[in-house]
Protein backbone atom coordinates (compact mmCIF):
# COMPACT_ATOMS: atom_id res chain seq x y z
CA UNK A 1 49.12 -282.47 41.88
CA UNK A 2 50.29 -279.48 43.90
CA UNK A 3 49.60 -279.42 47.72
CA UNK A 4 49.69 -276.89 50.63
CA UNK A 5 52.90 -277.47 52.26
CA UNK A 6 53.34 -275.12 54.91
CA UNK A 7 51.12 -272.71 57.17
CA UNK A 8 52.47 -270.05 58.87
CA UNK A 9 51.40 -266.70 60.76
CA UNK A 10 52.55 -263.93 62.11
CA UNK A 11 50.53 -262.46 65.36
CA UNK A 12 52.68 -259.52 65.93
CA UNK A 13 53.48 -257.63 62.89
CA UNK A 14 57.53 -258.36 62.24
CA UNK A 15 57.80 -260.07 65.13
CA UNK A 16 58.03 -263.79 65.53
CA UNK A 17 56.29 -266.66 63.68
CA UNK A 18 54.59 -269.48 63.82
CA UNK A 19 53.81 -272.95 62.09
CA UNK A 20 50.53 -274.22 61.92
CA UNK A 21 49.36 -277.56 60.58
CA UNK A 22 45.64 -276.32 59.83
CA UNK A 23 43.91 -273.25 60.33
CA UNK A 24 40.21 -271.97 58.84
CA UNK A 25 39.93 -269.36 56.32
CA UNK A 26 37.25 -266.79 56.40
CA UNK A 27 35.73 -265.24 53.49
CA UNK A 28 37.05 -261.67 53.61
CA UNK A 29 39.58 -261.97 55.79
CA UNK A 30 43.32 -262.41 56.95
CA UNK A 31 44.69 -265.42 57.95
CA UNK A 32 43.17 -265.46 61.62
CA UNK A 33 45.23 -263.52 64.37
CA UNK A 34 47.96 -262.55 61.78
CA UNK A 35 49.59 -259.52 62.19
CA UNK A 36 46.64 -258.59 64.94
CA UNK A 37 49.23 -256.94 66.99
CA UNK A 38 51.70 -254.33 65.83
CA UNK A 39 54.51 -252.10 67.85
CA UNK A 40 54.61 -248.39 67.34
CA UNK A 41 57.46 -246.48 67.20
CA UNK A 42 57.90 -243.19 69.14
CA UNK A 43 58.05 -241.07 65.70
CA UNK A 44 54.26 -242.68 65.10
CA UNK A 45 52.46 -243.04 68.44
CA UNK A 46 50.53 -239.70 68.33
CA UNK A 47 48.70 -241.53 65.95
CA UNK A 48 47.14 -243.60 68.31
CA UNK A 49 45.20 -241.37 70.58
CA UNK A 50 43.90 -242.47 73.91
CA UNK A 51 44.23 -246.72 74.36
CA UNK A 52 46.01 -249.28 72.44
CA UNK A 53 43.62 -249.37 69.67
CA UNK A 54 44.09 -248.12 66.27
CA UNK A 55 40.96 -246.26 64.72
CA UNK A 56 41.88 -247.68 61.44
CA UNK A 57 44.79 -249.35 59.01
CA UNK A 58 48.12 -247.68 59.81
CA UNK A 59 51.24 -248.15 56.76
CA UNK A 60 53.92 -250.75 57.58
CA UNK A 61 56.26 -247.27 58.53
CA UNK A 62 54.41 -246.56 61.59
CA UNK A 63 55.25 -249.80 63.63
CA UNK A 64 58.39 -251.51 64.23
CA UNK A 65 59.56 -254.02 61.10
CA UNK A 66 62.47 -255.84 59.43
CA UNK A 67 63.42 -253.60 56.60
CA UNK A 68 64.46 -250.67 59.38
CA UNK A 69 65.36 -253.47 62.05
CA UNK A 70 67.09 -256.59 60.44
CA UNK A 71 67.73 -258.07 64.34
CA UNK A 72 63.92 -258.30 64.15
CA UNK A 73 64.12 -260.95 61.47
CA UNK A 74 65.58 -263.60 63.89
CA UNK A 75 62.68 -263.70 66.80
CA UNK A 76 60.77 -266.72 66.57
CA UNK A 77 57.28 -267.93 68.27
CA UNK A 78 54.05 -266.54 68.90
CA UNK A 79 50.38 -267.52 70.44
CA UNK A 80 50.70 -270.17 73.19
CA UNK A 81 47.63 -272.09 74.55
CA UNK A 82 46.54 -269.72 76.92
CA UNK A 83 46.01 -266.61 74.77
CA UNK A 84 49.76 -265.22 75.55
CA UNK A 85 52.59 -264.40 73.54
CA UNK A 86 56.25 -266.14 73.64
CA UNK A 87 59.23 -265.31 71.81
CA UNK A 88 62.83 -266.32 71.31
CA UNK A 89 65.53 -264.41 69.93
CA UNK A 90 69.23 -265.57 69.89
CA UNK A 91 70.75 -262.36 71.65
CA UNK A 92 67.85 -262.33 74.20
CA UNK A 93 66.30 -263.93 76.97
CA UNK A 94 62.89 -265.68 76.03
CA UNK A 95 59.67 -263.96 76.90
CA UNK A 96 56.30 -264.96 77.68
CA UNK A 97 53.37 -261.85 77.99
CA UNK A 98 50.01 -261.47 78.15
CA UNK A 99 49.13 -258.98 75.42
CA UNK A 100 46.33 -257.53 77.37
CA UNK A 101 48.27 -256.59 80.54
CA UNK A 102 49.97 -253.35 80.51
CA UNK A 103 52.96 -254.45 82.71
CA UNK A 104 53.72 -257.30 80.33
CA UNK A 105 53.58 -254.83 77.44
CA UNK A 106 56.04 -252.59 78.87
CA UNK A 107 58.22 -255.54 79.46
CA UNK A 108 58.32 -256.86 75.36
CA UNK A 109 58.57 -253.37 74.74
CA UNK A 110 61.83 -253.24 76.87
CA UNK A 111 62.68 -256.59 75.26
CA UNK A 112 62.45 -255.25 71.82
CA UNK A 113 64.53 -251.89 72.40
CA UNK A 114 68.03 -253.56 72.04
CA UNK A 115 66.55 -254.73 68.70
CA UNK A 116 65.36 -251.90 67.01
CA UNK A 117 67.72 -248.93 65.84
CA UNK A 118 67.89 -246.11 68.29
CA UNK A 119 67.45 -243.75 65.10
CA UNK A 120 64.00 -244.78 63.90
CA UNK A 121 62.23 -243.66 66.97
CA UNK A 122 62.09 -245.87 70.04
CA UNK A 123 59.33 -248.98 70.20
CA UNK A 124 56.76 -247.41 72.05
CA UNK A 125 53.48 -249.36 72.32
CA UNK A 126 52.02 -252.94 71.59
CA UNK A 127 48.59 -251.90 69.89
CA UNK A 128 45.85 -253.74 67.52
CA UNK A 129 43.45 -252.57 65.43
CA UNK A 130 40.10 -252.98 63.46
CA UNK A 131 41.85 -254.86 60.51
CA UNK A 132 44.82 -256.92 60.52
CA UNK A 133 47.84 -254.79 60.49
CA UNK A 134 49.22 -256.33 57.27
CA UNK A 135 51.40 -254.23 55.07
CA UNK A 136 48.36 -254.27 52.29
CA UNK A 137 45.00 -252.13 53.43
CA UNK A 138 43.39 -254.94 51.73
CA UNK A 139 42.36 -258.20 53.56
CA UNK A 140 44.49 -260.74 51.74
CA UNK A 141 46.58 -263.84 52.57
CA UNK A 142 49.99 -264.07 51.30
CA UNK A 143 50.77 -267.35 48.90
CA UNK A 144 54.60 -268.57 48.01
CA UNK A 145 55.71 -271.18 46.40
CA UNK A 146 58.54 -273.80 47.51
CA UNK A 147 59.07 -274.58 44.00
CA UNK A 148 59.57 -271.19 43.25
CA UNK A 149 61.99 -270.86 46.33
CA UNK A 150 63.94 -273.86 45.10
CA UNK A 151 64.68 -272.11 41.78
CA UNK A 152 65.56 -269.11 43.39
CA UNK A 153 67.95 -270.93 45.60
CA UNK A 154 69.96 -272.36 42.81
CA UNK A 155 69.79 -268.69 41.21
CA UNK A 156 71.48 -267.77 44.25
CA UNK A 157 73.75 -270.80 45.50
CA UNK A 158 72.71 -270.66 48.72
CA UNK A 159 69.64 -271.88 50.69
CA UNK A 160 67.42 -269.07 51.70
CA UNK A 161 64.38 -270.45 53.76
CA UNK A 162 60.87 -269.74 53.94
CA UNK A 163 61.21 -267.48 57.06
CA UNK A 164 62.49 -264.46 55.70
CA UNK A 165 59.36 -264.29 52.92
CA UNK A 166 56.96 -264.56 55.96
CA UNK A 167 54.27 -265.93 53.99
CA UNK A 168 50.87 -267.31 55.00
CA UNK A 169 50.83 -270.04 52.95
CA UNK A 170 53.41 -272.04 51.01
CA UNK A 171 52.45 -274.44 48.12
CA UNK A 172 54.83 -277.07 46.20
CA UNK A 173 54.07 -279.11 43.21
CA UNK A 174 53.42 -276.48 40.87
CA UNK A 175 55.82 -275.37 38.36
CA UNK A 176 57.95 -272.50 39.35
CA UNK A 177 56.96 -269.20 39.52
CA UNK A 178 53.47 -270.39 37.92
CA UNK A 179 51.77 -268.21 40.73
CA UNK A 180 52.53 -265.22 38.79
CA UNK A 181 50.55 -266.23 36.54
CA UNK A 182 47.55 -266.76 38.46
CA UNK A 183 46.67 -263.19 38.65
CA UNK A 184 43.05 -262.90 38.56
CA UNK A 185 42.45 -266.66 38.89
CA UNK A 186 40.34 -268.57 40.93
CA UNK A 187 42.53 -271.27 43.25
CA UNK A 188 40.81 -274.09 45.69
CA UNK A 189 42.77 -275.09 48.31
CA UNK A 190 41.21 -277.88 49.87
CA UNK A 191 37.28 -276.83 50.26
CA UNK A 192 38.49 -273.34 50.32
CA UNK A 193 38.41 -271.31 47.30
CA UNK A 194 40.31 -267.90 46.73
CA UNK A 195 41.09 -265.71 43.89
CA UNK A 196 44.68 -264.17 43.29
CA UNK A 197 44.65 -260.61 43.62
CA UNK A 198 48.17 -259.35 42.73
CA UNK A 199 52.13 -260.05 43.06
CA UNK A 200 54.06 -259.42 46.21
CA UNK A 201 56.85 -256.81 45.40
CA UNK A 202 59.65 -257.61 48.34
CA UNK A 203 61.62 -255.35 50.40
CA UNK A 204 64.88 -255.05 52.22
CA UNK A 205 63.40 -257.26 55.09
CA UNK A 206 64.25 -260.13 52.93
CA UNK A 207 67.81 -259.73 52.59
CA UNK A 208 68.21 -260.83 56.54
CA UNK A 209 69.23 -264.16 58.04
CA UNK A 210 66.60 -265.30 60.08
CA UNK A 211 68.61 -267.19 62.57
CA UNK A 212 71.07 -264.68 63.49
CA UNK A 213 69.03 -261.30 62.39
CA UNK A 214 72.12 -260.12 60.25
CA UNK A 215 72.02 -258.96 56.59
CA UNK A 216 72.88 -261.72 54.01
CA UNK A 217 72.11 -261.17 50.61
CA UNK A 218 70.19 -258.49 48.65
CA UNK A 219 67.27 -260.60 47.69
CA UNK A 220 65.80 -257.64 45.81
CA UNK A 221 68.49 -257.19 43.67
CA UNK A 222 68.81 -261.14 43.54
CA UNK A 223 65.00 -261.19 42.26
CA UNK A 224 65.41 -258.44 39.83
CA UNK A 225 68.82 -259.93 38.40
CA UNK A 226 67.39 -263.60 37.98
CA UNK A 227 64.08 -262.41 36.94
CA UNK A 228 63.85 -258.93 35.85
CA UNK A 229 61.21 -257.83 38.85
CA UNK A 230 61.50 -258.10 42.65
CA UNK A 231 58.22 -259.88 42.84
CA UNK A 232 57.99 -262.98 45.23
CA UNK A 233 54.48 -264.81 45.84
CA UNK A 234 51.16 -263.63 45.57
CA UNK A 235 48.41 -262.15 47.61
CA UNK A 236 45.27 -263.85 47.60
CA UNK A 237 41.20 -262.78 48.72
CA UNK A 238 39.55 -265.61 50.42
CA UNK A 239 36.04 -266.17 48.62
CA UNK A 240 34.80 -269.31 50.34
CA UNK A 241 36.56 -270.11 53.78
CA UNK A 242 37.23 -273.79 55.16
CA UNK A 243 39.19 -275.61 57.28
CA UNK A 244 42.24 -276.06 55.03
CA UNK A 245 45.40 -278.06 56.18
CA UNK A 246 48.95 -279.08 55.36
CA UNK A 247 48.81 -281.46 52.41
CA UNK A 248 45.37 -280.24 51.22
CA UNK A 249 45.46 -280.57 47.27
CA UNK A 250 45.71 -276.94 45.54
CA UNK A 251 44.12 -276.61 42.01
CA UNK A 252 43.89 -273.57 39.69
CA UNK A 253 40.68 -272.94 37.88
CA UNK A 254 41.01 -272.71 33.82
CA UNK A 255 39.25 -269.49 33.59
CA UNK A 256 39.62 -266.14 35.38
CA UNK A 257 37.70 -265.64 38.59
CA UNK A 258 35.53 -263.28 36.95
CA UNK A 259 34.35 -265.19 33.97
CA UNK A 260 33.21 -268.07 36.47
CA UNK A 261 35.45 -271.14 34.95
CA UNK A 262 33.59 -274.32 36.57
CA UNK A 263 36.42 -276.30 35.23
CA UNK A 264 39.77 -277.15 37.07
CA UNK A 265 43.29 -278.44 36.30
CA UNK A 266 46.17 -279.38 38.64
CA UNK A 267 48.18 -276.21 39.60
CA UNK A 268 51.44 -275.46 37.42
CA UNK A 269 50.03 -276.98 34.07
CA UNK A 270 50.21 -274.98 30.94
CA UNK A 271 47.01 -274.54 30.93
CA UNK A 272 47.16 -272.36 33.67
CA UNK A 273 49.84 -270.03 32.40
């Protein structure tokens, strides 16, 4: 039986990470407060206009991001109980800010400056928007597999960990890389119902050791060499929301979602390939 093993959220795009025990998924939405904020750099701040709220989704190139600033991958932390953001980095003092306070926003920008390459444009403004600032303009939740990760780790000969992949939901107990065959299929996680929409193509951000912020291995090449593609994980759309938590059962429907299949089979069986 496949199950939900881990839940991760990233309140600020490319900056920090936090593990959750449970979360409520909503239909047609990303994980709540996931990539709720991002930091614009000086080369794109003109796209903000007045205030601190974007009018629309922007591509990742507009923001600080791990592929261009590897040191950011070592930032940990996220939301704390009072709505503030708390972050740690091995080369910086810990910081706690109120994202609604302009002075605190400036403190965060100063804290991030040494972690971001100057040639990319200086960190400029913490922003939010009308939609989550994920890499995809679609309101998807990302799903990765611990079983797939285990196989990849055996291929490269070292532990890679879950943090570098910045996925929302990690499942275990399915056949390795079975999730790549679930495109178009409906899955249930506890009482939530989702449909797998597309694979996640990986970028250079995955090449970074998240404990040090230093590049350690070209994961795009490692994936391509081992499997002939650079996909790892899948994007899913939430059809029916529900509270989900670690250890919830994961099932995959026998028929594609658009055919309305009613029978379910355990994730990772040959019937689901």
